[in-house]
Amino acid sequence: MFVISNFLVALANLIVIIVDLYTWIIIARAVVSWVRVDAYHPVVRFIYQVTEPVLGRIRKVLPPFSGLDLSPMVLIFALIFLKSWLVPTFERLANILQ
């Protein structure tokens, strides 16, 4: 059972890394939207390609508020919730299986 326990701990750590990295990409997307940058720069295109599928879905549900796009903030809150719920769940399961 220790193999499954170690797998769950590794999965929890991977989730933390992925969620933190994606959060920073979303923050970079917000900063890029405030600053005039070349839209064809490879880094800017990567940021838009990685974030637009999720942010676009949130924008369909959440209308703009006084001209502000709140979808990055909603997505960051959702990622924080996901990380604070999923990671302890996997860690607790790992402790039970030890």
N, C-alpha and C. Protein backbone atom coordinates (compact mmCIF):
# COMPACT_ATOMS: atom_id res chain seq x y z
N MET A 1 0.81 -1.21 0.00
CA MET A 1 0.00 0.00 0.00
C MET A 1 0.85 1.26 0.00
N PHE A 2 2.12 1.13 0.40
CA PHE A 2 2.97 2.32 0.44
C PHE A 2 3.20 2.89 -0.96
N VAL A 3 3.10 2.05 -1.99
CA VAL A 3 3.28 2.54 -3.35
C VAL A 3 2.14 3.49 -3.72
N ILE A 4 0.93 3.10 -3.40
CA ILE A 4 -0.22 3.97 -3.67
C ILE A 4 -0.14 5.23 -2.83
N SER A 5 0.29 5.09 -1.60
CA SER A 5 0.44 6.24 -0.72
C SER A 5 1.46 7.23 -1.28
N ASN A 6 2.60 6.72 -1.72
CA ASN A 6 3.62 7.60 -2.31
C ASN A 6 3.13 8.23 -3.61
N PHE A 7 2.36 7.46 -4.39
CA PHE A 7 1.79 8.00 -5.62
C PHE A 7 0.86 9.17 -5.32
N LEU A 8 0.02 9.04 -4.30
CA LEU A 8 -0.91 10.11 -3.94
C LEU A 8 -0.18 11.35 -3.45
N VAL A 9 0.89 11.16 -2.70
CA VAL A 9 1.70 12.31 -2.25
C VAL A 9 2.35 13.00 -3.45
N ALA A 10 2.88 12.21 -4.38
CA ALA A 10 3.49 12.78 -5.58
C ALA A 10 2.45 13.50 -6.42
N LEU A 11 1.26 12.94 -6.51
CA LEU A 11 0.18 13.58 -7.27
C LEU A 11 -0.24 14.90 -6.62
N ALA A 12 -0.30 14.93 -5.31
CA ALA A 12 -0.62 16.16 -4.60
C ALA A 12 0.44 17.23 -4.85
N ASN A 13 1.71 16.84 -4.81
CA ASN A 13 2.78 17.80 -5.09
C ASN A 13 2.73 18.29 -6.53
N LEU A 14 2.41 17.42 -7.46
CA LEU A 14 2.28 17.82 -8.86
C LEU A 14 1.14 18.79 -9.05
N ILE A 15 0.04 18.57 -8.37
CA ILE A 15 -1.10 19.48 -8.46
C ILE A 15 -0.72 20.86 -7.93
N VAL A 16 0.02 20.90 -6.84
CA VAL A 16 0.47 22.19 -6.29
C VAL A 16 1.32 22.93 -7.31
N ILE A 17 2.25 22.24 -7.93
CA ILE A 17 3.14 22.89 -8.90
C ILE A 17 2.35 23.38 -10.12
N ILE A 18 1.47 22.56 -10.65
CA ILE A 18 0.71 22.94 -11.84
C ILE A 18 -0.22 24.10 -11.54
N VAL A 19 -0.92 24.06 -10.42
CA VAL A 19 -1.84 25.15 -10.08
C VAL A 19 -1.07 26.45 -9.84
N ASP A 20 0.05 26.39 -9.16
CA ASP A 20 0.84 27.60 -8.93
C ASP A 20 1.37 28.17 -10.24
N LEU A 21 1.87 27.32 -11.11
CA LEU A 21 2.38 27.77 -12.40
C LEU A 21 1.27 28.39 -13.24
N TYR A 22 0.11 27.75 -13.28
CA TYR A 22 -1.01 28.28 -14.06
C TYR A 22 -1.51 29.60 -13.47
N THR A 23 -1.47 29.73 -12.16
CA THR A 23 -1.86 30.99 -11.53
C THR A 23 -0.93 32.12 -11.97
N TRP A 24 0.38 31.85 -12.02
CA TRP A 24 1.32 32.88 -12.47
C TRP A 24 1.13 33.21 -13.94
N ILE A 25 0.75 32.23 -14.75
CA ILE A 25 0.46 32.50 -16.17
C ILE A 25 -0.77 33.38 -16.29
N ILE A 26 -1.77 33.17 -15.46
CA ILE A 26 -2.97 34.01 -15.49
C ILE A 26 -2.62 35.43 -15.05
N ILE A 27 -1.78 35.57 -14.04
CA ILE A 27 -1.35 36.90 -13.61
C ILE A 27 -0.57 37.59 -14.73
N ALA A 28 0.28 36.83 -15.42
CA ALA A 28 1.01 37.40 -16.55
C ALA A 28 0.05 37.83 -17.65
N ARG A 29 -1.01 37.09 -17.86
CA ARG A 29 -2.02 37.45 -18.87
C ARG A 29 -2.68 38.77 -18.49
N ALA A 30 -2.99 38.95 -17.22
CA ALA A 30 -3.60 40.20 -16.79
C ALA A 30 -2.64 41.37 -16.97
N VAL A 31 -1.38 41.18 -16.63
CA VAL A 31 -0.40 42.25 -16.80
C VAL A 31 -0.20 42.57 -18.27
N VAL A 32 -0.16 41.55 -19.11
CA VAL A 32 0.00 41.77 -20.55
C VAL A 32 -1.19 42.55 -21.12
N SER A 33 -2.36 42.33 -20.57
CA SER A 33 -3.53 43.05 -21.07
C SER A 33 -3.51 44.53 -20.69
N TRP A 34 -2.75 44.89 -19.67
CA TRP A 34 -2.66 46.29 -19.25
C TRP A 34 -1.58 47.05 -20.01
N VAL A 35 -0.59 46.32 -20.54
CA VAL A 35 0.58 46.94 -21.17
C VAL A 35 0.51 46.70 -22.68
N ARG A 36 1.00 47.66 -23.41
CA ARG A 36 1.04 47.51 -24.86
C ARG A 36 2.22 46.62 -25.23
N VAL A 37 1.91 45.44 -25.75
CA VAL A 37 2.94 44.50 -26.16
C VAL A 37 2.63 44.00 -27.57
N ASP A 38 3.62 43.39 -28.19
CA ASP A 38 3.44 42.81 -29.51
C ASP A 38 2.61 41.54 -29.38
N ALA A 39 1.44 41.53 -29.98
CA ALA A 39 0.53 40.38 -29.87
C ALA A 39 1.08 39.15 -30.57
N TYR A 40 2.06 39.32 -31.44
CA TYR A 40 2.63 38.18 -32.17
C TYR A 40 3.91 37.65 -31.54
N HIS A 41 4.29 38.19 -30.41
CA HIS A 41 5.47 37.67 -29.70
C HIS A 41 5.15 36.26 -29.22
N PRO A 42 6.10 35.34 -29.36
CA PRO A 42 5.81 33.94 -28.99
C PRO A 42 5.38 33.75 -27.54
N VAL A 43 5.95 34.51 -26.63
CA VAL A 43 5.57 34.36 -25.21
C VAL A 43 4.13 34.84 -25.00
N VAL A 44 3.79 35.96 -25.61
CA VAL A 44 2.43 36.49 -25.48
C VAL A 44 1.43 35.54 -26.12
N ARG A 45 1.76 34.99 -27.27
CA ARG A 45 0.86 34.03 -27.92
C ARG A 45 0.69 32.78 -27.07
N PHE A 46 1.78 32.31 -26.45
CA PHE A 46 1.69 31.14 -25.57
C PHE A 46 0.76 31.42 -24.39
N ILE A 47 0.93 32.59 -23.77
CA ILE A 47 0.09 32.94 -22.62
C ILE A 47 -1.38 32.97 -23.02
N TYR A 48 -1.69 33.57 -24.17
CA TYR A 48 -3.07 33.63 -24.62
C TYR A 48 -3.61 32.24 -24.98
N GLN A 49 -2.80 31.41 -25.63
CA GLN A 49 -3.26 30.08 -26.02
C GLN A 49 -3.52 29.19 -24.80
N VAL A 50 -2.75 29.38 -23.75
CA VAL A 50 -2.90 28.53 -22.56
C VAL A 50 -4.08 28.98 -21.71
N THR A 51 -4.34 30.29 -21.66
CA THR A 51 -5.37 30.79 -20.75
C THR A 51 -6.73 31.03 -21.41
N GLU A 52 -6.75 31.29 -22.68
CA GLU A 52 -8.01 31.69 -23.33
C GLU A 52 -9.10 30.62 -23.29
N PRO A 53 -8.79 29.32 -23.45
CA PRO A 53 -9.89 28.34 -23.39
C PRO A 53 -10.65 28.38 -22.06
N VAL A 54 -9.96 28.53 -20.96
CA VAL A 54 -10.63 28.54 -19.66
C VAL A 54 -11.26 29.90 -19.40
N LEU A 55 -10.53 30.97 -19.67
CA LEU A 55 -11.08 32.31 -19.42
C LEU A 55 -12.27 32.60 -20.34
N GLY A 56 -12.25 32.09 -21.55
CA GLY A 56 -13.37 32.28 -22.46
C GLY A 56 -14.65 31.65 -21.95
N ARG A 57 -14.52 30.47 -21.36
CA ARG A 57 -15.71 29.81 -20.79
C ARG A 57 -16.26 30.58 -19.60
N ILE A 58 -15.35 31.14 -18.79
CA ILE A 58 -15.81 31.93 -17.64
C ILE A 58 -16.49 33.20 -18.12
N ARG A 59 -15.94 33.83 -19.16
CA ARG A 59 -16.55 35.06 -19.69
C ARG A 59 -17.95 34.83 -20.25
N LYS A 60 -18.22 33.63 -20.77
CA LYS A 60 -19.56 33.32 -21.27
C LYS A 60 -20.58 33.31 -20.15
N VAL A 61 -20.15 32.87 -18.97
CA VAL A 61 -21.04 32.79 -17.82
C VAL A 61 -21.09 34.11 -17.06
N LEU A 62 -19.94 34.76 -16.93
CA LEU A 62 -19.80 35.97 -16.12
C LEU A 62 -19.69 37.19 -17.04
N PRO A 63 -20.71 38.03 -17.08
CA PRO A 63 -20.62 39.22 -17.95
C PRO A 63 -19.63 40.24 -17.39
N PRO A 64 -19.11 41.12 -18.25
CA PRO A 64 -18.18 42.14 -17.75
C PRO A 64 -18.86 43.06 -16.73
N PHE A 65 -18.13 43.42 -15.71
CA PHE A 65 -18.65 44.28 -14.65
C PHE A 65 -18.04 45.66 -14.81
N SER A 66 -18.84 46.62 -15.24
CA SER A 66 -18.39 48.00 -15.46
C SER A 66 -17.17 48.06 -16.37
N GLY A 67 -17.15 47.22 -17.39
CA GLY A 67 -16.05 47.21 -18.33
C GLY A 67 -14.84 46.43 -17.87
N LEU A 68 -14.90 45.84 -16.68
CA LEU A 68 -13.78 45.05 -16.17
C LEU A 68 -14.00 43.57 -16.45
N ASP A 69 -12.93 42.92 -16.86
CA ASP A 69 -12.98 41.48 -17.07
C ASP A 69 -12.55 40.81 -15.77
N LEU A 70 -13.50 40.22 -15.07
CA LEU A 70 -13.22 39.58 -13.79
C LEU A 70 -12.90 38.10 -13.92
N SER A 71 -12.85 37.59 -15.14
CA SER A 71 -12.62 36.16 -15.32
C SER A 71 -11.26 35.70 -14.79
N PRO A 72 -10.16 36.47 -14.92
CA PRO A 72 -8.91 35.99 -14.31
C PRO A 72 -9.01 35.85 -12.79
N MET A 73 -9.67 36.79 -12.15
CA MET A 73 -9.81 36.73 -10.70
C MET A 73 -10.68 35.52 -10.29
N VAL A 74 -11.74 35.28 -11.02
CA VAL A 74 -12.60 34.13 -10.72
C VAL A 74 -11.83 32.83 -10.90
N LEU A 75 -11.03 32.76 -11.97
CA LEU A 75 -10.25 31.56 -12.21
C LEU A 75 -9.18 31.34 -11.14
N ILE A 76 -8.54 32.40 -10.70
CA ILE A 76 -7.54 32.28 -9.64
C ILE A 76 -8.20 31.80 -8.34
N PHE A 77 -9.37 32.34 -8.01
CA PHE A 77 -10.08 31.88 -6.82
C PHE A 77 -10.46 30.40 -6.95
N ALA A 78 -10.89 30.00 -8.14
CA ALA A 78 -11.25 28.59 -8.36
C ALA A 78 -10.02 27.69 -8.22
N LEU A 79 -8.88 28.15 -8.70
CA LEU A 79 -7.65 27.36 -8.57
C LEU A 79 -7.20 27.26 -7.11
N ILE A 80 -7.35 28.34 -6.37
CA ILE A 80 -7.01 28.32 -4.95
C ILE A 80 -7.92 27.33 -4.21
N PHE A 81 -9.21 27.37 -4.53
CA PHE A 81 -10.14 26.44 -3.91
C PHE A 81 -9.79 25.00 -4.28
N LEU A 82 -9.49 24.76 -5.55
CA LEU A 82 -9.16 23.42 -6.00
C LEU A 82 -7.92 22.90 -5.29
N LYS A 83 -6.90 23.77 -5.18
CA LYS A 83 -5.66 23.35 -4.52
C LYS A 83 -5.88 23.11 -3.03
N SER A 84 -6.66 23.95 -2.39
CA SER A 84 -6.87 23.80 -0.94
C SER A 84 -7.80 22.63 -0.62
N TRP A 85 -8.53 22.13 -1.60
CA TRP A 85 -9.40 20.98 -1.36
C TRP A 85 -8.76 19.67 -1.81
N LEU A 86 -8.18 19.67 -3.00
CA LEU A 86 -7.66 18.43 -3.56
C LEU A 86 -6.38 17.96 -2.89
N VAL A 87 -5.45 18.87 -2.66
CA VAL A 87 -4.15 18.48 -2.10
C VAL A 87 -4.30 17.87 -0.70
N PRO A 88 -5.02 18.50 0.23
CA PRO A 88 -5.18 17.84 1.54
C PRO A 88 -5.93 16.51 1.46
N THR A 89 -6.86 16.40 0.51
CA THR A 89 -7.57 15.14 0.34
C THR A 89 -6.62 14.03 -0.06
N PHE A 90 -5.76 14.30 -1.04
CA PHE A 90 -4.78 13.29 -1.45
C PHE A 90 -3.79 12.98 -0.34
N GLU A 91 -3.36 13.99 0.39
CA GLU A 91 -2.42 13.76 1.48
C GLU A 91 -3.05 12.94 2.61
N ARG A 92 -4.31 13.21 2.91
CA ARG A 92 -4.98 12.44 3.96
C ARG A 92 -5.19 11.00 3.53
N LEU A 93 -5.56 10.81 2.25
CA LEU A 93 -5.69 9.44 1.74
C LEU A 93 -4.36 8.70 1.81
N ALA A 94 -3.28 9.41 1.49
CA ALA A 94 -1.96 8.80 1.56
C ALA A 94 -1.62 8.39 2.99
N ASN A 95 -1.98 9.23 3.95
CA ASN A 95 -1.71 8.89 5.36
C ASN A 95 -2.54 7.70 5.81
N ILE A 96 -3.76 7.60 5.34
CA ILE A 96 -4.62 6.47 5.70
C ILE A 96 -4.06 5.16 5.13
N LEU A 97 -3.51 5.22 3.92
CA LEU A 97 -3.02 4.02 3.25
C LEU A 97 -1.65 3.58 3.73
N GLN A 98 -0.98 4.35 4.54
CA GLN A 98 0.36 3.96 4.99
C GLN A 98 0.34 2.82 5.93
